[in-house]
Protein backbone atom coordinates (compact mmCIF):
# COMPACT_ATOMS: atom_id res chain seq x y z
CA UNK A 1 0.00 0.00 0.00
CA UNK A 2 1.28 3.46 -0.83
CA UNK A 3 1.96 5.70 2.13
CA UNK A 4 -1.01 8.00 2.75
CA UNK A 5 -3.18 6.26 0.14
CA UNK A 6 -5.94 4.94 2.40
CA UNK A 7 -8.54 2.92 0.53
CA UNK A 8 -6.23 2.32 -2.42
CA UNK A 9 -4.69 -0.96 -1.29
CA UNK A 10 -4.96 -2.33 -4.85
CA UNK A 11 -2.37 0.14 -6.19
CA UNK A 12 0.96 -1.54 -6.91
CA UNK A 13 3.80 0.97 -6.52
CA UNK A 14 5.51 -0.76 -9.47
CA UNK A 15 2.50 -0.34 -11.79
CA UNK A 16 3.21 1.42 -15.09
CA UNK A 17 0.75 3.97 -16.40
CA UNK A 18 1.03 5.12 -20.00
CA UNK A 19 0.56 8.66 -21.29
CA UNK A 20 -3.16 9.32 -21.75
CA UNK A 21 -4.20 6.33 -19.63
CA UNK A 22 -6.86 6.80 -16.93
CA UNK A 23 -7.29 4.58 -13.87
CA UNK A 24 -10.71 4.60 -12.19
CA UNK A 25 -11.56 3.34 -8.71
CA UNK A 26 -14.15 4.20 -6.09
CA UNK A 27 -15.54 7.08 -8.18
CA UNK A 28 -12.13 8.71 -8.70
CA UNK A 29 -10.37 9.00 -12.07
CA UNK A 30 -6.58 9.39 -12.19
CA UNK A 31 -5.12 10.33 -15.60
CA UNK A 32 -1.49 10.65 -16.69
CA UNK A 33 -1.35 13.97 -18.59
CA UNK A 34 2.41 14.42 -19.22
CA UNK A 35 5.41 12.24 -18.56
CA UNK A 36 9.10 13.00 -18.36
CA UNK A 37 11.42 14.17 -15.59
CA UNK A 38 8.27 15.37 -13.83
CA UNK A 39 4.93 13.63 -14.37
CA UNK A 40 1.60 15.46 -14.30
CA UNK A 41 -1.61 13.69 -13.28
CA UNK A 42 -5.21 14.82 -13.15
CA UNK A 43 -7.41 13.58 -10.31
CA UNK A 44 -11.14 14.05 -10.75
CA UNK A 45 -14.53 12.52 -10.04
CA UNK A 46 -15.26 9.67 -12.42
CA UNK A 47 -18.30 9.98 -14.67
CA UNK A 48 -21.17 7.83 -13.34
PDB file of N, CA and C in Angstrom:
ATOM      1  N   UNK A   1       0.839  -1.176   0.000  1.00  0.00           N
ATOM      2  CA  UNK A   1       0.000   0.000   0.000  1.00  0.00           C
ATOM      3  C   UNK A   1       0.886   1.242   0.000  1.00  0.00           C
ATOM      4  N   UNK A   2       0.525   2.213  -0.774  1.00  0.00           N
ATOM      5  CA  UNK A   2       1.280   3.457  -0.826  1.00  0.00           C
ATOM      6  C   UNK A   2       1.044   4.260   0.440  1.00  0.00           C
ATOM      7  N   UNK A   3       2.079   4.883   0.934  1.00  0.00           N
ATOM      8  CA  UNK A   3       1.962   5.698   2.135  1.00  0.00           C
ATOM      9  C   UNK A   3       0.939   6.813   1.926  1.00  0.00           C
ATOM     10  N   UNK A   4      -0.016   6.933   2.833  1.00  0.00           N
ATOM     11  CA  UNK A   4      -1.014   7.998   2.753  1.00  0.00           C
ATOM     12  C   UNK A   4      -2.126   7.740   1.754  1.00  0.00           C
ATOM     13  N   UNK A   5      -2.175   6.557   1.157  1.00  0.00           N
ATOM     14  CA  UNK A   5      -3.183   6.260   0.138  1.00  0.00           C
ATOM     15  C   UNK A   5      -4.253   5.337   0.707  1.00  0.00           C
ATOM     16  N   UNK A   6      -4.906   5.752   1.770  1.00  0.00           N
ATOM     17  CA  UNK A   6      -5.943   4.935   2.397  1.00  0.00           C
ATOM     18  C   UNK A   6      -7.032   4.596   1.391  1.00  0.00           C
ATOM     19  N   UNK A   7      -7.474   3.350   1.418  1.00  0.00           N
ATOM     20  CA  UNK A   7      -8.544   2.917   0.529  1.00  0.00           C
ATOM     21  C   UNK A   7      -8.065   2.518  -0.855  1.00  0.00           C
ATOM     22  N   UNK A   8      -6.779   2.669  -1.111  1.00  0.00           N
ATOM     23  CA  UNK A   8      -6.235   2.316  -2.420  1.00  0.00           C
ATOM     24  C   UNK A   8      -5.245   1.166  -2.295  1.00  0.00           C
ATOM     25  N   UNK A   9      -5.599   0.144  -1.539  1.00  0.00           N
ATOM     26  CA  UNK A   9      -4.689  -0.964  -1.293  1.00  0.00           C
ATOM     27  C   UNK A   9      -4.379  -1.755  -2.564  1.00  0.00           C
ATOM     28  N   UNK A  10      -5.187  -1.594  -3.613  1.00  0.00           N
ATOM     29  CA  UNK A  10      -4.964  -2.335  -4.854  1.00  0.00           C
ATOM     30  C   UNK A  10      -3.844  -1.738  -5.690  1.00  0.00           C
ATOM     31  N   UNK A  11      -3.400  -0.510  -5.382  1.00  0.00           N
ATOM     32  CA  UNK A  11      -2.368   0.143  -6.189  1.00  0.00           C
ATOM     33  C   UNK A  11      -1.019  -0.503  -5.929  1.00  0.00           C
ATOM     34  N   UNK A  12      -0.375  -0.953  -6.981  1.00  0.00           N
ATOM     35  CA  UNK A  12       0.960  -1.536  -6.910  1.00  0.00           C
ATOM     36  C   UNK A  12       1.946  -0.427  -7.222  1.00  0.00           C
ATOM     37  N   UNK A  13       2.858  -0.133  -6.310  1.00  0.00           N
ATOM     38  CA  UNK A  13       3.796   0.968  -6.517  1.00  0.00           C
ATOM     39  C   UNK A  13       4.693   0.742  -7.735  1.00  0.00           C
ATOM     40  N   UNK A  14       4.721  -0.469  -8.281  1.00  0.00           N
ATOM     41  CA  UNK A  14       5.512  -0.759  -9.470  1.00  0.00           C
ATOM     42  C   UNK A  14       4.676  -0.730 -10.746  1.00  0.00           C
ATOM     43  N   UNK A  15       3.399  -0.359 -10.652  1.00  0.00           N
ATOM     44  CA  UNK A  15       2.501  -0.345 -11.794  1.00  0.00           C
ATOM     45  C   UNK A  15       2.890   0.750 -12.773  1.00  0.00           C
ATOM     46  N   UNK A  16       2.912   0.424 -14.057  1.00  0.00           N
ATOM     47  CA  UNK A  16       3.214   1.417 -15.087  1.00  0.00           C
ATOM     48  C   UNK A  16       1.927   1.989 -15.640  1.00  0.00           C
ATOM     49  N   UNK A  17       1.880   3.288 -15.784  1.00  0.00           N
ATOM     50  CA  UNK A  17       0.753   3.974 -16.399  1.00  0.00           C
ATOM     51  C   UNK A  17       1.283   4.673 -17.642  1.00  0.00           C
ATOM     52  N   UNK A  18       0.592   4.537 -18.738  1.00  0.00           N
ATOM     53  CA  UNK A  18       1.033   5.125 -19.998  1.00  0.00           C
ATOM     54  C   UNK A  18       0.366   6.475 -20.243  1.00  0.00           C
ATOM     55  N   UNK A  19       1.055   7.331 -20.965  1.00  0.00           N
ATOM     56  CA  UNK A  19       0.556   8.661 -21.289  1.00  0.00           C
ATOM     57  C   UNK A  19      -0.849   8.562 -21.869  1.00  0.00           C
ATOM     58  N   UNK A  20      -1.771   9.322 -21.293  1.00  0.00           N
ATOM     59  CA  UNK A  20      -3.156   9.319 -21.748  1.00  0.00           C
ATOM     60  C   UNK A  20      -4.030   8.281 -21.065  1.00  0.00           C
ATOM     61  N   UNK A  21      -3.435   7.380 -20.306  1.00  0.00           N
ATOM     62  CA  UNK A  21      -4.199   6.333 -19.625  1.00  0.00           C
ATOM     63  C   UNK A  21      -4.905   6.904 -18.396  1.00  0.00           C
ATOM     64  N   UNK A  22      -6.092   6.385 -18.104  1.00  0.00           N
ATOM     65  CA  UNK A  22      -6.861   6.799 -16.929  1.00  0.00           C
ATOM     66  C   UNK A  22      -7.197   5.570 -16.109  1.00  0.00           C
ATOM     67  N   UNK A  23      -6.912   5.639 -14.804  1.00  0.00           N
ATOM     68  CA  UNK A  23      -7.285   4.584 -13.868  1.00  0.00           C
ATOM     69  C   UNK A  23      -8.498   5.079 -13.093  1.00  0.00           C
ATOM     70  N   UNK A  24      -9.491   4.211 -12.903  1.00  0.00           N
ATOM     71  CA  UNK A  24     -10.706   4.604 -12.192  1.00  0.00           C
ATOM     72  C   UNK A  24     -10.958   3.626 -11.056  1.00  0.00           C
ATOM     73  N   UNK A  25     -11.205   4.163  -9.858  1.00  0.00           N
ATOM     74  CA  UNK A  25     -11.563   3.341  -8.714  1.00  0.00           C
ATOM     75  C   UNK A  25     -12.377   4.171  -7.731  1.00  0.00           C
ATOM     76  N   UNK A  26     -13.345   3.560  -7.140  1.00  0.00           N
ATOM     77  CA  UNK A  26     -14.150   4.205  -6.086  1.00  0.00           C
ATOM     78  C   UNK A  26     -14.633   5.597  -6.471  1.00  0.00           C
ATOM     79  N   UNK A  27     -15.006   5.794  -7.742  1.00  0.00           N
ATOM     80  CA  UNK A  27     -15.540   7.075  -8.177  1.00  0.00           C
ATOM     81  C   UNK A  27     -14.500   8.143  -8.458  1.00  0.00           C
ATOM     82  N   UNK A  28     -13.219   7.764  -8.442  1.00  0.00           N
ATOM     83  CA  UNK A  28     -12.131   8.706  -8.697  1.00  0.00           C
ATOM     84  C   UNK A  28     -11.392   8.290  -9.958  1.00  0.00           C
ATOM     85  N   UNK A  29     -11.124   9.254 -10.848  1.00  0.00           N
ATOM     86  CA  UNK A  29     -10.367   9.000 -12.072  1.00  0.00           C
ATOM     87  C   UNK A  29      -8.993   9.656 -11.941  1.00  0.00           C
ATOM     88  N   UNK A  30      -7.945   8.891 -12.252  1.00  0.00           N
ATOM     89  CA  UNK A  30      -6.577   9.389 -12.185  1.00  0.00           C
ATOM     90  C   UNK A  30      -5.977   9.221 -13.580  1.00  0.00           C
ATOM     91  N   UNK A  31      -5.627  10.350 -14.226  1.00  0.00           N
ATOM     92  CA  UNK A  31      -5.122  10.333 -15.601  1.00  0.00           C
ATOM     93  C   UNK A  31      -3.689  10.843 -15.653  1.00  0.00           C
ATOM     94  N   UNK A  32      -2.850  10.180 -16.467  1.00  0.00           N
ATOM     95  CA  UNK A  32      -1.489  10.651 -16.692  1.00  0.00           C
ATOM     96  C   UNK A  32      -1.532  11.622 -17.869  1.00  0.00           C
ATOM     97  N   UNK A  33      -1.236  12.902 -17.599  1.00  0.00           N
ATOM     98  CA  UNK A  33      -1.348  13.972 -18.585  1.00  0.00           C
ATOM     99  C   UNK A  33      -0.029  14.186 -19.330  1.00  0.00           C
ATOM    100  N   UNK A  34       1.083  14.296 -18.605  1.00  0.00           N
ATOM    101  CA  UNK A  34       2.412  14.424 -19.215  1.00  0.00           C
ATOM    102  C   UNK A  34       3.378  13.529 -18.462  1.00  0.00           C
ATOM    103  N   UNK A  35       4.421  13.111 -19.162  1.00  0.00           N
ATOM    104  CA  UNK A  35       5.407  12.237 -18.564  1.00  0.00           C
ATOM    105  C   UNK A  35       6.797  12.687 -18.989  1.00  0.00           C
ATOM    106  N   UNK A  36       7.726  12.607 -18.098  1.00  0.00           N
ATOM    107  CA  UNK A  36       9.103  13.002 -18.362  1.00  0.00           C
ATOM    108  C   UNK A  36       9.861  13.037 -17.054  1.00  0.00           C
ATOM    109  N   UNK A  37      10.716  14.030 -16.867  1.00  0.00           N
ATOM    110  CA  UNK A  37      11.425  14.171 -15.593  1.00  0.00           C
ATOM    111  C   UNK A  37      10.429  14.414 -14.464  1.00  0.00           C
ATOM    112  N   UNK A  38       9.349  15.116 -14.786  1.00  0.00           N
ATOM    113  CA  UNK A  38       8.271  15.366 -13.825  1.00  0.00           C
ATOM    114  C   UNK A  38       6.967  14.949 -14.491  1.00  0.00           C
ATOM    115  N   UNK A  39       6.219  14.073 -13.835  1.00  0.00           N
ATOM    116  CA  UNK A  39       4.930  13.634 -14.369  1.00  0.00           C
ATOM    117  C   UNK A  39       3.816  14.540 -13.867  1.00  0.00           C
ATOM    118  N   UNK A  40       2.773  14.690 -14.687  1.00  0.00           N
ATOM    119  CA  UNK A  40       1.599  15.459 -14.295  1.00  0.00           C
ATOM    120  C   UNK A  40       0.391  14.542 -14.378  1.00  0.00           C
ATOM    121  N   UNK A  41      -0.388  14.502 -13.295  1.00  0.00           N
ATOM    122  CA  UNK A  41      -1.606  13.692 -13.284  1.00  0.00           C
ATOM    123  C   UNK A  41      -2.798  14.579 -13.006  1.00  0.00           C
ATOM    124  N   UNK A  42      -3.956  14.119 -13.439  1.00  0.00           N
ATOM    125  CA  UNK A  42      -5.212  14.817 -13.147  1.00  0.00           C
ATOM    126  C   UNK A  42      -6.051  13.859 -12.303  1.00  0.00           C
ATOM    127  N   UNK A  43      -6.548  14.353 -11.179  1.00  0.00           N
ATOM    128  CA  UNK A  43      -7.410  13.581 -10.305  1.00  0.00           C
ATOM    129  C   UNK A  43      -8.773  14.247 -10.318  1.00  0.00           C
ATOM    130  N   UNK A  44      -9.803  13.483 -10.663  1.00  0.00           N
ATOM    131  CA  UNK A  44     -11.144  14.049 -10.755  1.00  0.00           C
ATOM    132  C   UNK A  44     -12.187  12.998 -10.403  1.00  0.00           C
ATOM    133  N   UNK A  45     -13.421  13.444 -10.250  1.00  0.00           N
ATOM    134  CA  UNK A  45     -14.527  12.519 -10.042  1.00  0.00           C
ATOM    135  C   UNK A  45     -14.762  11.761 -11.339  1.00  0.00           C
ATOM    136  N   UNK A  46     -14.976  10.481 -11.243  1.00  0.00           N
ATOM    137  CA  UNK A  46     -15.261   9.667 -12.422  1.00  0.00           C
ATOM    138  C   UNK A  46     -16.699   9.888 -12.850  1.00  0.00           C
ATOM    139  N   UNK A  47     -16.933   9.844 -14.144  1.00  0.00           N
ATOM    140  CA  UNK A  47     -18.300   9.983 -14.666  1.00  0.00           C
ATOM    141  C   UNK A  47     -19.110   8.761 -14.221  1.00  0.00           C
ATOM    142  N   UNK A  48     -20.345   8.964 -13.804  1.00  0.00           N
ATOM    143  CA  UNK A  48     -21.174   7.832 -13.343  1.00  0.00           C
ATOM    144  C   UNK A  48     -21.508   6.862 -14.456  1.00  0.00           C
TER     145      UNK A  48
END
